N, C-alpha and C. Protein backbone atom coordinates (compact mmCIF):
# COMPACT_ATOMS: atom_id res chain seq x y z
N MET A 1 18.41 1.42 6.35
CA MET A 1 17.82 0.83 5.17
C MET A 1 17.47 1.94 4.18
N ARG A 2 17.94 1.79 2.97
CA ARG A 2 17.63 2.76 1.91
C ARG A 2 16.33 2.34 1.24
N LEU A 3 15.40 3.27 1.14
CA LEU A 3 14.11 3.00 0.53
C LEU A 3 14.21 3.13 -0.99
N PRO A 4 13.48 2.29 -1.74
CA PRO A 4 13.50 2.38 -3.20
C PRO A 4 13.00 3.74 -3.69
N SER A 5 13.55 4.18 -4.81
CA SER A 5 13.13 5.45 -5.39
C SER A 5 12.23 5.26 -6.60
N LYS A 6 12.00 4.02 -6.99
CA LYS A 6 11.11 3.71 -8.12
C LYS A 6 10.19 2.56 -7.74
N THR A 7 9.03 2.52 -8.37
CA THR A 7 8.08 1.44 -8.15
C THR A 7 8.72 0.10 -8.47
N VAL A 8 8.44 -0.91 -7.63
CA VAL A 8 8.98 -2.25 -7.81
C VAL A 8 7.84 -3.16 -8.27
N LEU A 9 8.08 -3.91 -9.34
CA LEU A 9 7.05 -4.81 -9.88
C LEU A 9 7.33 -6.25 -9.50
N ASN A 10 6.26 -7.04 -9.43
CA ASN A 10 6.36 -8.50 -9.32
C ASN A 10 6.55 -9.00 -10.75
N SER A 11 7.77 -9.34 -11.11
CA SER A 11 8.08 -9.66 -12.50
C SER A 11 7.33 -10.90 -13.00
N GLN A 12 7.17 -11.90 -12.14
CA GLN A 12 6.46 -13.12 -12.56
C GLN A 12 4.99 -12.84 -12.85
N LEU A 13 4.31 -12.14 -11.95
CA LEU A 13 2.89 -11.85 -12.18
C LEU A 13 2.70 -10.84 -13.31
N THR A 14 3.62 -9.90 -13.45
CA THR A 14 3.54 -8.94 -14.55
C THR A 14 3.62 -9.68 -15.88
N ALA A 15 4.54 -10.63 -16.00
CA ALA A 15 4.67 -11.42 -17.24
C ALA A 15 3.44 -12.29 -17.45
N LEU A 16 2.93 -12.90 -16.39
CA LEU A 16 1.78 -13.79 -16.48
C LEU A 16 0.52 -13.04 -16.91
N LEU A 17 0.28 -11.87 -16.32
CA LEU A 17 -0.95 -11.12 -16.58
C LEU A 17 -0.82 -10.13 -17.74
N GLY A 18 0.40 -9.83 -18.16
CA GLY A 18 0.59 -8.89 -19.25
C GLY A 18 0.29 -7.45 -18.87
N ARG A 19 0.34 -7.16 -17.60
CA ARG A 19 0.15 -5.79 -17.10
C ARG A 19 0.93 -5.64 -15.80
N PRO A 20 1.31 -4.43 -15.43
CA PRO A 20 2.13 -4.25 -14.23
C PRO A 20 1.42 -4.70 -12.96
N VAL A 21 2.12 -5.49 -12.17
CA VAL A 21 1.67 -5.88 -10.84
C VAL A 21 2.71 -5.32 -9.87
N ILE A 22 2.28 -4.39 -9.05
CA ILE A 22 3.18 -3.62 -8.17
C ILE A 22 3.38 -4.35 -6.86
N VAL A 23 4.65 -4.51 -6.48
CA VAL A 23 4.99 -5.07 -5.17
C VAL A 23 5.18 -3.93 -4.17
N LEU A 24 5.80 -2.84 -4.62
CA LEU A 24 6.01 -1.67 -3.78
C LEU A 24 5.81 -0.43 -4.63
N GLU A 25 4.85 0.39 -4.25
CA GLU A 25 4.52 1.61 -4.99
C GLU A 25 5.34 2.78 -4.45
N VAL A 26 5.81 3.62 -5.37
CA VAL A 26 6.54 4.83 -5.02
C VAL A 26 5.86 5.98 -5.75
N VAL A 27 5.39 6.97 -4.99
CA VAL A 27 4.70 8.11 -5.60
C VAL A 27 5.36 9.42 -5.14
N PRO A 28 5.43 10.40 -6.04
CA PRO A 28 5.97 11.70 -5.64
C PRO A 28 4.99 12.44 -4.74
N VAL A 29 5.51 13.10 -3.72
CA VAL A 29 4.70 13.88 -2.79
C VAL A 29 5.43 15.17 -2.44
N LEU A 30 4.67 16.11 -1.92
CA LEU A 30 5.23 17.37 -1.45
C LEU A 30 5.20 17.42 0.07
N PRO A 31 6.12 18.16 0.70
CA PRO A 31 6.02 18.34 2.15
C PRO A 31 4.66 18.96 2.48
N GLU A 32 4.05 18.49 3.53
CA GLU A 32 2.74 18.94 4.02
C GLU A 32 1.57 18.46 3.15
N GLU A 33 1.83 17.65 2.14
CA GLU A 33 0.73 17.12 1.32
C GLU A 33 -0.05 16.07 2.11
N THR A 34 -1.36 16.07 1.94
CA THR A 34 -2.22 15.09 2.59
C THR A 34 -2.91 14.25 1.53
N LEU A 35 -2.83 12.94 1.70
CA LEU A 35 -3.51 11.99 0.82
C LEU A 35 -4.68 11.39 1.58
N ARG A 36 -5.81 11.24 0.92
CA ARG A 36 -6.99 10.61 1.53
C ARG A 36 -6.99 9.15 1.11
N ILE A 37 -6.94 8.25 2.06
CA ILE A 37 -6.90 6.82 1.78
C ILE A 37 -8.19 6.20 2.28
N SER A 38 -8.82 5.40 1.42
CA SER A 38 -10.08 4.74 1.76
C SER A 38 -9.96 3.25 1.51
N PHE A 39 -10.28 2.46 2.53
CA PHE A 39 -10.39 1.01 2.35
C PHE A 39 -11.79 0.76 1.79
N THR A 40 -11.88 0.24 0.58
CA THR A 40 -13.20 0.08 -0.04
C THR A 40 -13.74 -1.34 0.09
N SER A 41 -12.87 -2.35 0.13
CA SER A 41 -13.35 -3.72 0.34
C SER A 41 -12.18 -4.64 0.68
N ARG A 42 -12.54 -5.80 1.19
CA ARG A 42 -11.55 -6.85 1.45
C ARG A 42 -12.26 -8.18 1.41
N SER A 43 -11.50 -9.26 1.20
CA SER A 43 -12.10 -10.58 1.18
C SER A 43 -11.19 -11.54 1.94
N GLY A 44 -11.72 -12.70 2.24
CA GLY A 44 -10.94 -13.69 2.97
C GLY A 44 -11.02 -13.48 4.47
N ASN A 45 -10.32 -14.34 5.19
CA ASN A 45 -10.38 -14.32 6.65
C ASN A 45 -9.16 -13.68 7.30
N TRP A 46 -8.19 -13.27 6.51
CA TRP A 46 -6.96 -12.74 7.07
C TRP A 46 -7.05 -11.24 7.29
N ARG A 47 -6.29 -10.80 8.25
CA ARG A 47 -6.16 -9.37 8.53
C ARG A 47 -5.42 -8.73 7.35
N GLN A 48 -5.91 -7.59 6.89
CA GLN A 48 -5.33 -6.90 5.74
C GLN A 48 -4.98 -5.46 6.11
N GLY A 49 -3.99 -4.91 5.43
CA GLY A 49 -3.62 -3.53 5.66
C GLY A 49 -2.59 -3.04 4.65
N ILE A 50 -2.04 -1.86 4.94
CA ILE A 50 -0.99 -1.31 4.10
C ILE A 50 0.16 -0.80 4.97
N TRP A 51 1.36 -0.88 4.43
CA TRP A 51 2.57 -0.32 5.03
C TRP A 51 2.90 0.93 4.24
N MET A 52 3.26 2.01 4.94
CA MET A 52 3.63 3.27 4.30
C MET A 52 4.95 3.74 4.89
N ALA A 53 5.76 4.38 4.02
CA ALA A 53 7.05 4.90 4.50
C ALA A 53 7.45 6.13 3.72
N SER A 54 8.21 6.99 4.38
CA SER A 54 8.77 8.18 3.78
C SER A 54 10.19 8.34 4.27
N ASP A 55 11.02 8.95 3.44
CA ASP A 55 12.36 9.33 3.88
C ASP A 55 12.20 10.67 4.58
N GLY A 56 11.50 10.63 5.68
CA GLY A 56 11.13 11.82 6.44
C GLY A 56 10.15 11.41 7.52
N GLU A 57 8.93 11.95 7.44
CA GLU A 57 7.93 11.63 8.47
C GLU A 57 6.53 11.75 7.88
N ILE A 58 5.69 10.76 8.21
CA ILE A 58 4.29 10.78 7.83
C ILE A 58 3.44 10.74 9.09
N GLU A 59 2.20 11.22 8.96
CA GLU A 59 1.30 11.23 10.11
C GLU A 59 -0.04 10.65 9.69
N VAL A 60 -0.52 9.70 10.50
CA VAL A 60 -1.84 9.11 10.33
C VAL A 60 -2.47 9.03 11.71
N ALA A 61 -3.65 9.62 11.86
CA ALA A 61 -4.41 9.59 13.11
C ALA A 61 -3.57 10.02 14.31
N GLY A 62 -2.77 11.06 14.13
CA GLY A 62 -1.98 11.59 15.22
C GLY A 62 -0.68 10.87 15.48
N GLN A 63 -0.43 9.76 14.80
CA GLN A 63 0.83 9.02 14.96
C GLN A 63 1.80 9.46 13.87
N ARG A 64 3.00 9.82 14.30
CA ARG A 64 4.04 10.26 13.37
C ARG A 64 5.21 9.30 13.40
N ALA A 65 5.69 8.95 12.20
CA ALA A 65 6.85 8.07 12.09
C ALA A 65 7.31 8.07 10.63
N SER A 66 8.47 7.49 10.40
CA SER A 66 8.93 7.35 9.02
C SER A 66 8.24 6.18 8.33
N GLN A 67 7.77 5.20 9.12
CA GLN A 67 7.06 4.04 8.60
C GLN A 67 5.86 3.74 9.49
N LEU A 68 4.73 3.41 8.84
CA LEU A 68 3.52 3.07 9.59
C LEU A 68 2.82 1.88 8.96
N GLU A 69 2.19 1.06 9.79
CA GLU A 69 1.30 0.00 9.33
C GLU A 69 -0.12 0.46 9.64
N ILE A 70 -1.00 0.38 8.65
CA ILE A 70 -2.39 0.74 8.85
C ILE A 70 -3.23 -0.48 8.52
N TRP A 71 -3.94 -1.00 9.52
CA TRP A 71 -4.72 -2.23 9.37
C TRP A 71 -6.20 -1.90 9.22
N VAL A 72 -6.88 -2.62 8.37
CA VAL A 72 -8.31 -2.40 8.11
C VAL A 72 -9.13 -2.52 9.39
N ASP A 73 -8.78 -3.46 10.25
CA ASP A 73 -9.60 -3.70 11.45
C ASP A 73 -9.38 -2.69 12.57
N THR A 74 -8.36 -1.83 12.46
CA THR A 74 -8.14 -0.84 13.51
C THR A 74 -8.19 0.59 13.00
N ALA A 75 -8.28 0.78 11.70
CA ALA A 75 -8.35 2.12 11.12
C ALA A 75 -9.78 2.42 10.68
N PRO A 76 -10.13 3.68 10.59
CA PRO A 76 -11.44 4.01 10.02
C PRO A 76 -11.44 3.66 8.53
N PRO A 77 -12.61 3.52 7.92
CA PRO A 77 -12.67 3.18 6.49
C PRO A 77 -11.95 4.19 5.59
N ALA A 78 -11.87 5.44 6.01
CA ALA A 78 -11.15 6.48 5.27
C ALA A 78 -10.35 7.31 6.28
N PHE A 79 -9.15 7.67 5.90
CA PHE A 79 -8.29 8.45 6.79
C PHE A 79 -7.32 9.28 5.95
N ASP A 80 -6.72 10.28 6.60
CA ASP A 80 -5.73 11.13 5.94
C ASP A 80 -4.33 10.68 6.32
N ALA A 81 -3.46 10.65 5.33
CA ALA A 81 -2.04 10.41 5.54
C ALA A 81 -1.31 11.68 5.13
N LYS A 82 -0.70 12.34 6.09
CA LYS A 82 -0.02 13.59 5.81
C LYS A 82 1.49 13.37 5.75
N VAL A 83 2.10 13.89 4.71
CA VAL A 83 3.55 13.86 4.59
C VAL A 83 4.06 15.09 5.36
N VAL A 84 4.50 14.86 6.57
CA VAL A 84 4.94 15.96 7.43
C VAL A 84 6.22 16.58 6.86
N ARG A 85 7.16 15.72 6.51
CA ARG A 85 8.39 16.17 5.87
C ARG A 85 8.94 15.02 5.04
N THR A 86 9.68 15.39 4.01
CA THR A 86 10.30 14.40 3.13
C THR A 86 11.60 14.95 2.59
N THR A 87 12.63 14.13 2.58
CA THR A 87 13.92 14.59 2.05
C THR A 87 14.06 14.26 0.57
N ASP A 88 13.32 13.28 0.09
CA ASP A 88 13.43 12.89 -1.32
C ASP A 88 12.15 13.09 -2.13
N GLY A 89 11.06 13.55 -1.49
CA GLY A 89 9.82 13.82 -2.19
C GLY A 89 9.07 12.59 -2.63
N LEU A 90 9.24 11.47 -1.91
CA LEU A 90 8.60 10.22 -2.29
C LEU A 90 7.90 9.56 -1.11
N LEU A 91 6.76 8.92 -1.40
CA LEU A 91 6.04 8.10 -0.43
C LEU A 91 5.98 6.69 -0.99
N ARG A 92 6.22 5.71 -0.13
CA ARG A 92 6.19 4.31 -0.55
C ARG A 92 5.10 3.58 0.22
N PHE A 93 4.47 2.58 -0.45
CA PHE A 93 3.51 1.74 0.26
C PHE A 93 3.33 0.42 -0.47
N TYR A 94 2.84 -0.57 0.30
CA TYR A 94 2.48 -1.87 -0.25
C TYR A 94 1.47 -2.54 0.66
N ASN A 95 0.83 -3.58 0.12
CA ASN A 95 -0.18 -4.28 0.92
C ASN A 95 0.49 -5.26 1.88
N ILE A 96 -0.11 -5.41 3.04
CA ILE A 96 0.36 -6.34 4.07
C ILE A 96 -0.82 -7.18 4.54
N TRP A 97 -0.52 -8.31 5.17
CA TRP A 97 -1.56 -9.16 5.73
C TRP A 97 -1.00 -9.97 6.88
N ASP A 98 -1.88 -10.50 7.67
CA ASP A 98 -1.52 -11.39 8.78
C ASP A 98 -2.37 -12.63 8.62
N SER A 99 -1.74 -13.73 8.23
CA SER A 99 -2.45 -14.98 7.97
C SER A 99 -2.69 -15.79 9.25
N GLY A 100 -2.19 -15.30 10.38
CA GLY A 100 -2.38 -16.02 11.63
C GLY A 100 -1.36 -17.12 11.86
N ARG A 101 -0.29 -17.13 11.06
CA ARG A 101 0.74 -18.17 11.20
C ARG A 101 1.88 -17.74 12.13
N GLY A 102 1.64 -16.67 12.89
CA GLY A 102 2.63 -16.21 13.86
C GLY A 102 3.70 -15.31 13.28
N GLN A 103 3.55 -14.88 12.05
CA GLN A 103 4.55 -14.00 11.44
C GLN A 103 4.18 -12.53 11.58
N ARG A 104 3.05 -12.25 12.17
CA ARG A 104 2.51 -10.91 12.38
C ARG A 104 2.26 -10.19 11.06
N ARG A 105 3.24 -9.58 10.46
CA ARG A 105 3.03 -8.87 9.19
C ARG A 105 3.72 -9.64 8.07
N GLU A 106 2.94 -9.96 7.03
CA GLU A 106 3.51 -10.61 5.85
C GLU A 106 3.33 -9.67 4.67
N SER A 107 4.22 -9.81 3.68
CA SER A 107 4.15 -8.95 2.50
C SER A 107 5.08 -9.47 1.42
N GLN A 108 4.87 -8.98 0.22
CA GLN A 108 5.77 -9.15 -0.90
C GLN A 108 6.15 -10.60 -1.19
N SER A 109 5.18 -11.51 -1.14
CA SER A 109 5.46 -12.90 -1.48
C SER A 109 5.28 -13.12 -2.98
N ALA A 110 5.48 -14.35 -3.43
CA ALA A 110 5.48 -14.68 -4.87
C ALA A 110 4.20 -14.30 -5.59
N THR A 111 3.04 -14.46 -4.96
CA THR A 111 1.78 -14.14 -5.64
C THR A 111 1.15 -12.85 -5.12
N SER A 112 1.93 -12.04 -4.42
CA SER A 112 1.37 -10.80 -3.90
C SER A 112 1.67 -9.64 -4.84
N GLY A 113 0.85 -8.63 -4.71
CA GLY A 113 1.05 -7.42 -5.50
C GLY A 113 -0.23 -6.64 -5.61
N MET A 114 -0.14 -5.53 -6.34
CA MET A 114 -1.28 -4.62 -6.47
C MET A 114 -1.48 -4.26 -7.95
N LEU A 115 -2.72 -4.31 -8.37
CA LEU A 115 -3.09 -3.78 -9.67
C LEU A 115 -3.54 -2.34 -9.45
N LYS A 116 -3.16 -1.46 -10.35
CA LYS A 116 -3.37 -0.02 -10.17
C LYS A 116 -4.23 0.53 -11.30
N GLU A 117 -5.19 1.38 -10.92
CA GLU A 117 -6.02 2.07 -11.90
C GLU A 117 -6.24 3.49 -11.40
N THR A 118 -5.94 4.47 -12.26
CA THR A 118 -6.08 5.88 -11.88
C THR A 118 -7.16 6.54 -12.72
N VAL A 119 -8.09 7.21 -12.04
CA VAL A 119 -9.11 8.02 -12.69
C VAL A 119 -9.05 9.39 -12.03
N GLU A 120 -8.68 10.38 -12.82
CA GLU A 120 -8.48 11.74 -12.33
C GLU A 120 -7.51 11.75 -11.17
N ARG A 121 -7.91 12.19 -9.99
CA ARG A 121 -6.98 12.29 -8.85
C ARG A 121 -7.07 11.11 -7.90
N THR A 122 -7.83 10.07 -8.26
CA THR A 122 -7.98 8.91 -7.39
C THR A 122 -7.38 7.67 -8.04
N THR A 123 -6.51 7.00 -7.28
CA THR A 123 -5.90 5.75 -7.74
C THR A 123 -6.42 4.61 -6.89
N THR A 124 -6.91 3.57 -7.54
CA THR A 124 -7.40 2.37 -6.86
C THR A 124 -6.35 1.28 -6.96
N TYR A 125 -6.09 0.63 -5.83
CA TYR A 125 -5.16 -0.49 -5.76
C TYR A 125 -5.94 -1.74 -5.36
N ARG A 126 -5.83 -2.77 -6.18
CA ARG A 126 -6.46 -4.07 -5.91
C ARG A 126 -5.36 -5.04 -5.55
N CYS A 127 -5.41 -5.59 -4.34
CA CYS A 127 -4.29 -6.34 -3.79
C CYS A 127 -4.53 -7.85 -3.73
N SER A 128 -3.46 -8.58 -4.01
CA SER A 128 -3.42 -10.03 -3.84
C SER A 128 -2.40 -10.32 -2.74
N ASP A 129 -2.66 -11.35 -1.93
CA ASP A 129 -1.68 -11.70 -0.89
C ASP A 129 -0.97 -13.01 -1.27
N ILE A 130 -1.33 -14.13 -0.66
CA ILE A 130 -0.66 -15.39 -0.99
C ILE A 130 -1.68 -16.42 -1.43
N GLY A 131 -1.21 -17.41 -2.13
CA GLY A 131 -2.07 -18.48 -2.62
C GLY A 131 -1.56 -18.96 -3.97
N ILE A 132 -2.08 -20.07 -4.43
CA ILE A 132 -1.63 -20.64 -5.70
C ILE A 132 -1.97 -19.72 -6.85
N GLU A 133 -3.19 -19.21 -6.85
CA GLU A 133 -3.64 -18.28 -7.90
C GLU A 133 -3.81 -16.89 -7.29
N PRO A 134 -3.22 -15.87 -7.91
CA PRO A 134 -3.42 -14.52 -7.36
C PRO A 134 -4.87 -14.07 -7.50
N LYS A 135 -5.38 -13.48 -6.44
CA LYS A 135 -6.74 -12.94 -6.42
C LYS A 135 -6.64 -11.51 -5.92
N PHE A 136 -6.94 -10.57 -6.80
CA PHE A 136 -6.73 -9.16 -6.50
C PHE A 136 -7.96 -8.51 -5.86
N ASP A 137 -8.56 -9.25 -4.93
CA ASP A 137 -9.70 -8.73 -4.17
C ASP A 137 -9.47 -8.83 -2.67
N LYS A 138 -8.28 -9.22 -2.26
CA LYS A 138 -7.99 -9.40 -0.83
C LYS A 138 -8.10 -8.09 -0.06
N LEU A 139 -7.63 -7.01 -0.70
CA LEU A 139 -7.81 -5.67 -0.16
C LEU A 139 -7.89 -4.72 -1.34
N VAL A 140 -8.88 -3.85 -1.31
CA VAL A 140 -9.01 -2.80 -2.32
C VAL A 140 -9.02 -1.48 -1.56
N PHE A 141 -8.11 -0.58 -1.97
CA PHE A 141 -8.08 0.74 -1.34
C PHE A 141 -7.83 1.81 -2.39
N GLU A 142 -8.25 3.02 -2.04
CA GLU A 142 -8.10 4.16 -2.93
C GLU A 142 -7.21 5.21 -2.28
N VAL A 143 -6.43 5.87 -3.12
CA VAL A 143 -5.60 6.99 -2.69
C VAL A 143 -6.04 8.20 -3.51
N ARG A 144 -6.53 9.21 -2.81
CA ARG A 144 -7.01 10.44 -3.48
C ARG A 144 -6.06 11.59 -3.15
N ARG A 145 -5.69 12.29 -4.18
CA ARG A 145 -4.78 13.42 -4.03
C ARG A 145 -5.52 14.72 -4.29
N GLY A 146 -5.17 15.73 -3.52
CA GLY A 146 -5.71 17.06 -3.76
C GLY A 146 -7.13 17.28 -3.35
C-alpha cells in the first residue's frame, strides 16, 4: 500500500464549514525526530484514538512498526512518537474510533475529520467521528514539535 504524500481533506465538510477538514494528515519529519502527543479531551461513549504511519518505522512506548494505533484508554495522556527512520520524510495520522459495532477500528467516514490549529510549535487537532452532524470534540489531541 502506497501512503499519501499530501494531506487529504474531507471535501464535503470542507465545503460545508468553509475551512479545511482533514481526513488524513501528512507532516514532514526528520529521521530520529520525536513528537510529543497529548490527548487533551474526548467526548461520547466510544473508544477514541489515532492511527500513525511512516514509510519507515515509528516508535511509541517501546513498540516499533511502520503503522501504529494509539488508543486513549490504553495510552498515557501524553507520550512521545519517535520517527526511527523514514524513506520519504513524512508522517501520516488520522483519528480512529471503535463504536462497539464489531468493526474494531473505524475511520474516515462521511462526517469524520480533524480541524487543525497551530500555535508556535504545537498543533491541536479537534476530531469528529460519525453522526448526522459533525462534532469536533470527540477527540482533541496536540502534537508538539521540538
